[in-house]
Amino acid sequence: MKNLKFDGRYKEDILAGRKRATIRLGRKVNLRPGEEVLIHAGGYVLGKARITRVETKPVAELTDEDARKDGFSSREELIQALREHYKFVRPDSPATIIEFELVKKLDKPILSADFPYEGNNPIEIAEMALRHLENLSFEEVALLKLFLREGSLRKAAMKLGGLNKRYKIREVLRKAYEELKKRGLMEPKI
């Protein structure tokens, strides 16, 4: 599933339905009406949305209505916000308007980094994997046990030699989650 990511300051507006669009400059957007995406804000997955409209036009043609859908009171306020996000905003800069409707809000936002597990808690995945997956390698078992002992990816990675080692634990957790899901022991929460 594709992702649509926002600065954390827009979280409440998205959840309240005041922000129903985003305007992105200078990007080719690989989204089409009807597609479902995960909505992220401030490093958290908030829920699922359906893309309802995608249109590109120059900044000079943006309207107050475009601004309101993006959660701003006027075109001028929108353009000021674009200037905060982008280095150069010119009247002829291409602006892509992506309108969406939130179709599912999570009861509790999930850290974006944990989302490969579809809303499941990585600690629960590690515990279940150690109980139910007999085909784990010695190294995979050791990584899961380290993760559980340390209580966080960050701390476990530091024990392995640095934050750049988080990928090793994430790979094992993803593999374990997929196997647990295949066996019907876990299911997506979103």
C-alpha atoms as a PDB file:
ATOM      1  CA  MET A   1       0.000   0.000   0.000  1.00  0.00           C
ATOM      2  CA  LYS A   2       1.247   3.493  -0.804  1.00  0.00           C
ATOM      3  CA  ASN A   3       1.892   6.154   1.815  1.00  0.00           C
ATOM      4  CA  LEU A   4       0.998   9.832   2.091  1.00  0.00           C
ATOM      5  CA  LYS A   5       3.168  11.551   4.690  1.00  0.00           C
ATOM      6  CA  PHE A   6       2.569  14.847   6.475  1.00  0.00           C
ATOM      7  CA  ASP A   7       4.346  17.044   8.960  1.00  0.00           C
ATOM      8  CA  GLY A   8       3.126  16.374  12.511  1.00  0.00           C
ATOM      9  CA  ARG A   9       1.522  19.813  12.758  1.00  0.00           C
ATOM     10  CA  TYR A  10      -1.237  18.621  10.402  1.00  0.00           C
ATOM     11  CA  LYS A  11      -2.222  15.550  12.449  1.00  0.00           C
ATOM     12  CA  GLU A  12      -5.239  17.042  14.245  1.00  0.00           C
ATOM     13  CA  ASP A  13      -6.554  18.746  11.092  1.00  0.00           C
ATOM     14  CA  ILE A  14      -6.378  15.449   9.189  1.00  0.00           C
ATOM     15  CA  LEU A  15      -8.141  13.520  11.947  1.00  0.00           C
ATOM     16  CA  ALA A  16     -10.817  16.235  12.308  1.00  0.00           C
ATOM     17  CA  GLY A  17     -11.456  16.302   8.542  1.00  0.00           C
ATOM     18  CA  ARG A  18     -10.335  19.917   8.124  1.00  0.00           C
ATOM     19  CA  LYS A  19      -7.421  18.821   5.936  1.00  0.00           C
ATOM     20  CA  ARG A  20      -8.786  16.783   3.034  1.00  0.00           C
ATOM     21  CA  ALA A  21      -6.046  17.542   0.527  1.00  0.00           C
ATOM     22  CA  THR A  22      -2.347  18.143   0.212  1.00  0.00           C
ATOM     23  CA  ILE A  23      -0.538  20.238  -2.338  1.00  0.00           C
ATOM     24  CA  ARG A  24       2.939  19.094  -3.340  1.00  0.00           C
ATOM     25  CA  LEU A  25       5.344  21.069  -5.514  1.00  0.00           C
ATOM     26  CA  GLY A  26       7.690  19.820  -8.194  1.00  0.00           C
ATOM     27  CA  ARG A  27       6.914  16.158  -7.749  1.00  0.00           C
ATOM     28  CA  LYS A  28       5.438  13.603 -10.034  1.00  0.00           C
ATOM     29  CA  VAL A  29       2.811  11.936  -7.931  1.00  0.00           C
ATOM     30  CA  ASN A  30       2.195   8.247  -8.408  1.00  0.00           C
ATOM     31  CA  LEU A  31      -1.373   8.298  -7.079  1.00  0.00           C
ATOM     32  CA  ARG A  32      -4.718   7.882  -8.808  1.00  0.00           C
ATOM     33  CA  PRO A  33      -8.316   8.453  -7.721  1.00  0.00           C
ATOM     34  CA  GLY A  34      -9.712   5.350  -6.052  1.00  0.00           C
ATOM     35  CA  GLU A  35      -6.383   4.169  -4.629  1.00  0.00           C
ATOM     36  CA  GLU A  36      -6.079   3.603  -0.889  1.00  0.00           C
ATOM     37  CA  VAL A  37      -3.080   4.992   0.977  1.00  0.00           C
ATOM     38  CA  LEU A  38      -1.807   5.017   4.526  1.00  0.00           C
ATOM     39  CA  ILE A  39      -1.840   8.487   6.092  1.00  0.00           C
ATOM     40  CA  HIS A  40       1.216   9.331   8.208  1.00  0.00           C
ATOM     41  CA  ALA A  41       1.734  12.493  10.281  1.00  0.00           C
ATOM     42  CA  GLY A  42       4.619  13.254  12.604  1.00  0.00           C
ATOM     43  CA  GLY A  43       6.039   9.741  12.306  1.00  0.00           C
ATOM     44  CA  TYR A  44       2.744   7.957  13.051  1.00  0.00           C
ATOM     45  CA  VAL A  45       0.254   6.110  10.869  1.00  0.00           C
ATOM     46  CA  LEU A  46      -3.155   7.690  11.502  1.00  0.00           C
ATOM     47  CA  GLY A  47      -5.271   5.519   9.231  1.00  0.00           C
ATOM     48  CA  LYS A  48      -6.279   4.765   5.653  1.00  0.00           C
ATOM     49  CA  ALA A  49      -7.531   7.193   3.050  1.00  0.00           C
ATOM     50  CA  ARG A  50      -8.947   6.916  -0.454  1.00  0.00           C
ATOM     51  CA  ILE A  51      -7.594   9.286  -3.087  1.00  0.00           C
ATOM     52  CA  THR A  52     -10.530  11.181  -4.621  1.00  0.00           C
ATOM     53  CA  ARG A  53      -8.787  13.629  -6.974  1.00  0.00           C
ATOM     54  CA  VAL A  54      -5.314  14.344  -8.364  1.00  0.00           C
ATOM     55  CA  GLU A  55      -4.701  17.482 -10.433  1.00  0.00           C
ATOM     56  CA  THR A  56      -1.590  19.431 -11.368  1.00  0.00           C
ATOM     57  CA  LYS A  57      -1.585  23.146 -12.141  1.00  0.00           C
ATOM     58  CA  PRO A  58       0.754  26.120 -11.689  1.00  0.00           C
ATOM     59  CA  VAL A  59       0.925  27.764  -8.246  1.00  0.00           C
ATOM     60  CA  ALA A  60      -0.546  30.915  -9.821  1.00  0.00           C
ATOM     61  CA  GLU A  61      -3.785  28.985 -10.511  1.00  0.00           C
ATOM     62  CA  LEU A  62      -4.300  27.697  -6.962  1.00  0.00           C
ATOM     63  CA  THR A  63      -7.597  28.909  -5.498  1.00  0.00           C
ATOM     64  CA  ASP A  64      -9.059  29.686  -2.087  1.00  0.00           C
ATOM     65  CA  GLU A  65     -11.061  26.440  -2.454  1.00  0.00           C
ATOM     66  CA  ASP A  66      -7.822  24.459  -2.978  1.00  0.00           C
ATOM     67  CA  ALA A  67      -6.451  26.147   0.149  1.00  0.00           C
ATOM     68  CA  ARG A  68      -9.543  25.322   2.256  1.00  0.00           C
ATOM     69  CA  LYS A  69      -9.386  21.638   1.309  1.00  0.00           C
ATOM     70  CA  ASP A  70      -5.726  21.687   2.362  1.00  0.00           C
ATOM     71  CA  GLY A  71      -6.741  23.095   5.759  1.00  0.00           C
ATOM     72  CA  PHE A  72      -5.863  26.758   5.140  1.00  0.00           C
ATOM     73  CA  SER A  73      -8.174  29.748   5.297  1.00  0.00           C
ATOM     74  CA  SER A  74      -6.959  31.360   2.065  1.00  0.00           C
ATOM     75  CA  ARG A  75      -4.763  30.956  -0.992  1.00  0.00           C
ATOM     76  CA  GLU A  76      -2.264  33.399   0.553  1.00  0.00           C
ATOM     77  CA  GLU A  77      -1.991  31.312   3.734  1.00  0.00           C
ATOM     78  CA  LEU A  78      -1.480  28.181   1.602  1.00  0.00           C
ATOM     79  CA  ILE A  79       1.293  29.814  -0.434  1.00  0.00           C
ATOM     80  CA  GLN A  80       3.004  30.958   2.778  1.00  0.00           C
ATOM     81  CA  ALA A  81       2.917  27.351   4.049  1.00  0.00           C
ATOM     82  CA  LEU A  82       4.333  26.118   0.731  1.00  0.00           C
ATOM     83  CA  ARG A  83       7.205  28.579   1.151  1.00  0.00           C
ATOM     84  CA  GLU A  84       7.933  27.029   4.569  1.00  0.00           C
ATOM     85  CA  HIS A  85       8.118  23.528   3.048  1.00  0.00           C
ATOM     86  CA  TYR A  86       9.844  24.279  -0.263  1.00  0.00           C
ATOM     87  CA  LYS A  87      12.905  26.351  -1.049  1.00  0.00           C
ATOM     88  CA  PHE A  88      11.540  27.956  -4.226  1.00  0.00           C
ATOM     89  CA  VAL A  89       7.889  28.716  -4.881  1.00  0.00           C
ATOM     90  CA  ARG A  90       7.263  30.571  -8.120  1.00  0.00           C
ATOM     91  CA  PRO A  91       3.975  31.339  -9.877  1.00  0.00           C
ATOM     92  CA  ASP A  92       4.839  28.822 -12.615  1.00  0.00           C
ATOM     93  CA  SER A  93       5.925  26.054 -10.197  1.00  0.00           C
ATOM     94  CA  PRO A  94       3.815  22.925 -10.775  1.00  0.00           C
ATOM     95  CA  ALA A  95       1.528  22.177  -7.835  1.00  0.00           C
ATOM     96  CA  THR A  96      -0.150  18.780  -7.542  1.00  0.00           C
ATOM     97  CA  ILE A  97      -3.374  18.744  -5.555  1.00  0.00           C
ATOM     98  CA  ILE A  98      -4.101  15.386  -3.951  1.00  0.00           C
ATOM     99  CA  GLU A  99      -7.553  15.177  -2.405  1.00  0.00           C
ATOM    100  CA  PHE A 100      -8.419  12.294  -0.101  1.00  0.00           C
ATOM    101  CA  GLU A 101     -11.071  11.025   2.268  1.00  0.00           C
ATOM    102  CA  LEU A 102     -10.133   9.286   5.484  1.00  0.00           C
ATOM    103  CA  VAL A 103     -11.860   5.900   5.328  1.00  0.00           C
ATOM    104  CA  LYS A 104     -10.419   4.397   8.510  1.00  0.00           C
ATOM    105  CA  LYS A 105      -8.920   6.093  11.563  1.00  0.00           C
ATOM    106  CA  LEU A 106      -6.809   4.055  13.920  1.00  0.00           C
ATOM    107  CA  ASP A 107      -8.001   4.089  17.525  1.00  0.00           C
ATOM    108  CA  LYS A 108      -4.392   4.647  18.508  1.00  0.00           C
ATOM    109  CA  PRO A 109      -1.806   5.945  15.998  1.00  0.00           C
ATOM    110  CA  ILE A 110       1.039   3.511  15.254  1.00  0.00           C
ATOM    111  CA  LEU A 111       4.674   4.531  14.872  1.00  0.00           C
ATOM    112  CA  SER A 112       5.423   4.599  11.145  1.00  0.00           C
ATOM    113  CA  ALA A 113       8.566   2.537  11.779  1.00  0.00           C
ATOM    114  CA  ASP A 114       6.424  -0.210  13.315  1.00  0.00           C
ATOM    115  CA  PHE A 115       3.885  -0.264  10.527  1.00  0.00           C
ATOM    116  CA  PRO A 116       5.480  -3.048   8.484  1.00  0.00           C
ATOM    117  CA  TYR A 117       3.784  -5.226  11.096  1.00  0.00           C
ATOM    118  CA  GLU A 118       0.347  -3.828  10.107  1.00  0.00           C
ATOM    119  CA  GLY A 119      -0.401  -2.395  13.517  1.00  0.00           C
ATOM    120  CA  ASN A 120       0.861  -5.320  15.570  1.00  0.00           C
ATOM    121  CA  ASN A 121       3.215  -4.697  18.465  1.00  0.00           C
ATOM    122  CA  PRO A 122       6.800  -5.783  17.636  1.00  0.00           C
ATOM    123  CA  ILE A 123       7.281  -7.139  21.170  1.00  0.00           C
ATOM    124  CA  GLU A 124       4.225  -9.399  20.781  1.00  0.00           C
ATOM    125  CA  ILE A 125       5.559 -10.549  17.395  1.00  0.00           C
ATOM    126  CA  ALA A 126       8.930 -11.456  18.911  1.00  0.00           C
ATOM    127  CA  GLU A 127       7.298 -13.325  21.819  1.00  0.00           C
ATOM    128  CA  MET A 128       4.938 -15.263  19.540  1.00  0.00           C
ATOM    129  CA  ALA A 129       7.731 -16.042  17.079  1.00  0.00           C
ATOM    130  CA  LEU A 130       9.872 -17.554  19.822  1.00  0.00           C
ATOM    131  CA  ARG A 131       6.903 -19.637  21.021  1.00  0.00           C
ATOM    132  CA  HIS A 132       5.527 -20.796  17.666  1.00  0.00           C
ATOM    133  CA  LEU A 133       8.174 -20.638  14.935  1.00  0.00           C
ATOM    134  CA  GLU A 134      10.485 -23.598  15.165  1.00  0.00           C
ATOM    135  CA  ASN A 135      12.181 -22.830  11.828  1.00  0.00           C
ATOM    136  CA  LEU A 136      14.015 -19.691  13.063  1.00  0.00           C
ATOM    137  CA  SER A 137      17.788 -19.736  12.685  1.00  0.00           C
ATOM    138  CA  PHE A 138      20.097 -19.491  15.694  1.00  0.00           C
ATOM    139  CA  GLU A 139      20.889 -15.867  14.730  1.00  0.00           C
ATOM    140  CA  GLU A 140      17.190 -14.956  14.365  1.00  0.00           C
ATOM    141  CA  VAL A 141      16.406 -16.421  17.800  1.00  0.00           C
ATOM    142  CA  ALA A 142      19.344 -14.509  19.300  1.00  0.00           C
ATOM    143  CA  LEU A 143      18.198 -11.214  17.708  1.00  0.00           C
ATOM    144  CA  LEU A 144      14.615 -11.653  18.922  1.00  0.00           C
ATOM    145  CA  LYS A 145      15.789 -12.489  22.450  1.00  0.00           C
ATOM    146  CA  LEU A 146      18.092  -9.457  22.452  1.00  0.00           C
ATOM    147  CA  PHE A 147      15.224  -7.253  21.290  1.00  0.00           C
ATOM    148  CA  LEU A 148      12.961  -8.569  24.056  1.00  0.00           C
ATOM    149  CA  ARG A 149      15.653  -8.250  26.710  1.00  0.00           C
ATOM    150  CA  GLU A 150      16.431  -4.634  25.730  1.00  0.00           C
ATOM    151  CA  GLY A 151      12.790  -3.678  25.166  1.00  0.00           C
ATOM    152  CA  SER A 152      13.379  -1.495  22.103  1.00  0.00           C
ATOM    153  CA  LEU A 153      14.902  -1.630  18.636  1.00  0.00           C
ATOM    154  CA  ARG A 154      17.143   1.291  19.490  1.00  0.00           C
ATOM    155  CA  LYS A 155      18.664  -0.301  22.602  1.00  0.00           C
ATOM    156  CA  ALA A 156      19.040  -3.686  20.911  1.00  0.00           C
ATOM    157  CA  ALA A 157      20.753  -2.097  17.902  1.00  0.00           C
ATOM    158  CA  MET A 158      23.167  -0.270  20.184  1.00  0.00           C
ATOM    159  CA  LYS A 159      24.123  -3.639  21.734  1.00  0.00           C
ATOM    160  CA  LEU A 160      24.818  -4.889  18.202  1.00  0.00           C
ATOM    161  CA  GLY A 161      27.141  -1.974  17.476  1.00  0.00           C
ATOM    162  CA  GLY A 162      25.017   1.058  16.572  1.00  0.00           C
ATOM    163  CA  LEU A 163      21.689   2.363  15.317  1.00  0.00           C
ATOM    164  CA  ASN A 164      22.568   1.306  11.789  1.00  0.00           C
ATOM    165  CA  LYS A 165      22.021  -2.305  12.975  1.00  0.00           C
ATOM    166  CA  ARG A 166      18.271  -1.811  13.515  1.00  0.00           C
ATOM    167  CA  TYR A 167      17.639  -3.217  10.042  1.00  0.00           C
ATOM    168  CA  LYS A 168      18.797  -6.677  11.214  1.00  0.00           C
ATOM    169  CA  ILE A 169      16.145  -6.819  13.926  1.00  0.00           C
ATOM    170  CA  ARG A 170      13.465  -5.305  11.677  1.00  0.00           C
ATOM    171  CA  GLU A 171      14.165  -7.952   9.004  1.00  0.00           C
ATOM    172  CA  VAL A 172      13.688 -10.766  11.521  1.00  0.00           C
ATOM    173  CA  LEU A 173      10.530  -9.172  12.926  1.00  0.00           C
ATOM    174  CA  ARG A 174       9.071  -8.712   9.416  1.00  0.00           C
ATOM    175  CA  LYS A 175       9.886 -12.309   8.478  1.00  0.00           C
ATOM    176  CA  ALA A 176       8.423 -13.597  11.763  1.00  0.00           C
ATOM    177  CA  TYR A 177       5.286 -11.497  11.364  1.00  0.00           C
ATOM    178  CA  GLU A 178       4.679 -12.756   7.821  1.00  0.00           C
ATOM    179  CA  GLU A 179       5.086 -16.361   8.965  1.00  0.00           C
ATOM    180  CA  LEU A 180       2.792 -15.846  11.978  1.00  0.00           C
ATOM    181  CA  LYS A 181       0.224 -14.243   9.679  1.00  0.00           C
ATOM    182  CA  LYS A 182       0.507 -17.106   7.171  1.00  0.00           C
ATOM    183  CA  ARG A 183      -0.162 -19.589   9.991  1.00  0.00           C
ATOM    184  CA  GLY A 184      -3.199 -17.614  11.156  1.00  0.00           C
ATOM    185  CA  LEU A 185      -1.616 -16.713  14.501  1.00  0.00           C
ATOM    186  CA  MET A 186      -1.642 -12.950  13.845  1.00  0.00           C
ATOM    187  CA  GLU A 187      -3.654 -10.707  11.575  1.00  0.00           C
ATOM    188  CA  PRO A 188      -3.408  -7.086  10.445  1.00  0.00           C
ATOM    189  CA  LYS A 189      -4.950  -4.531  12.782  1.00  0.00           C
ATOM    190  CA  ILE A 190      -5.553  -2.035  10.004  1.00  0.00           C
END
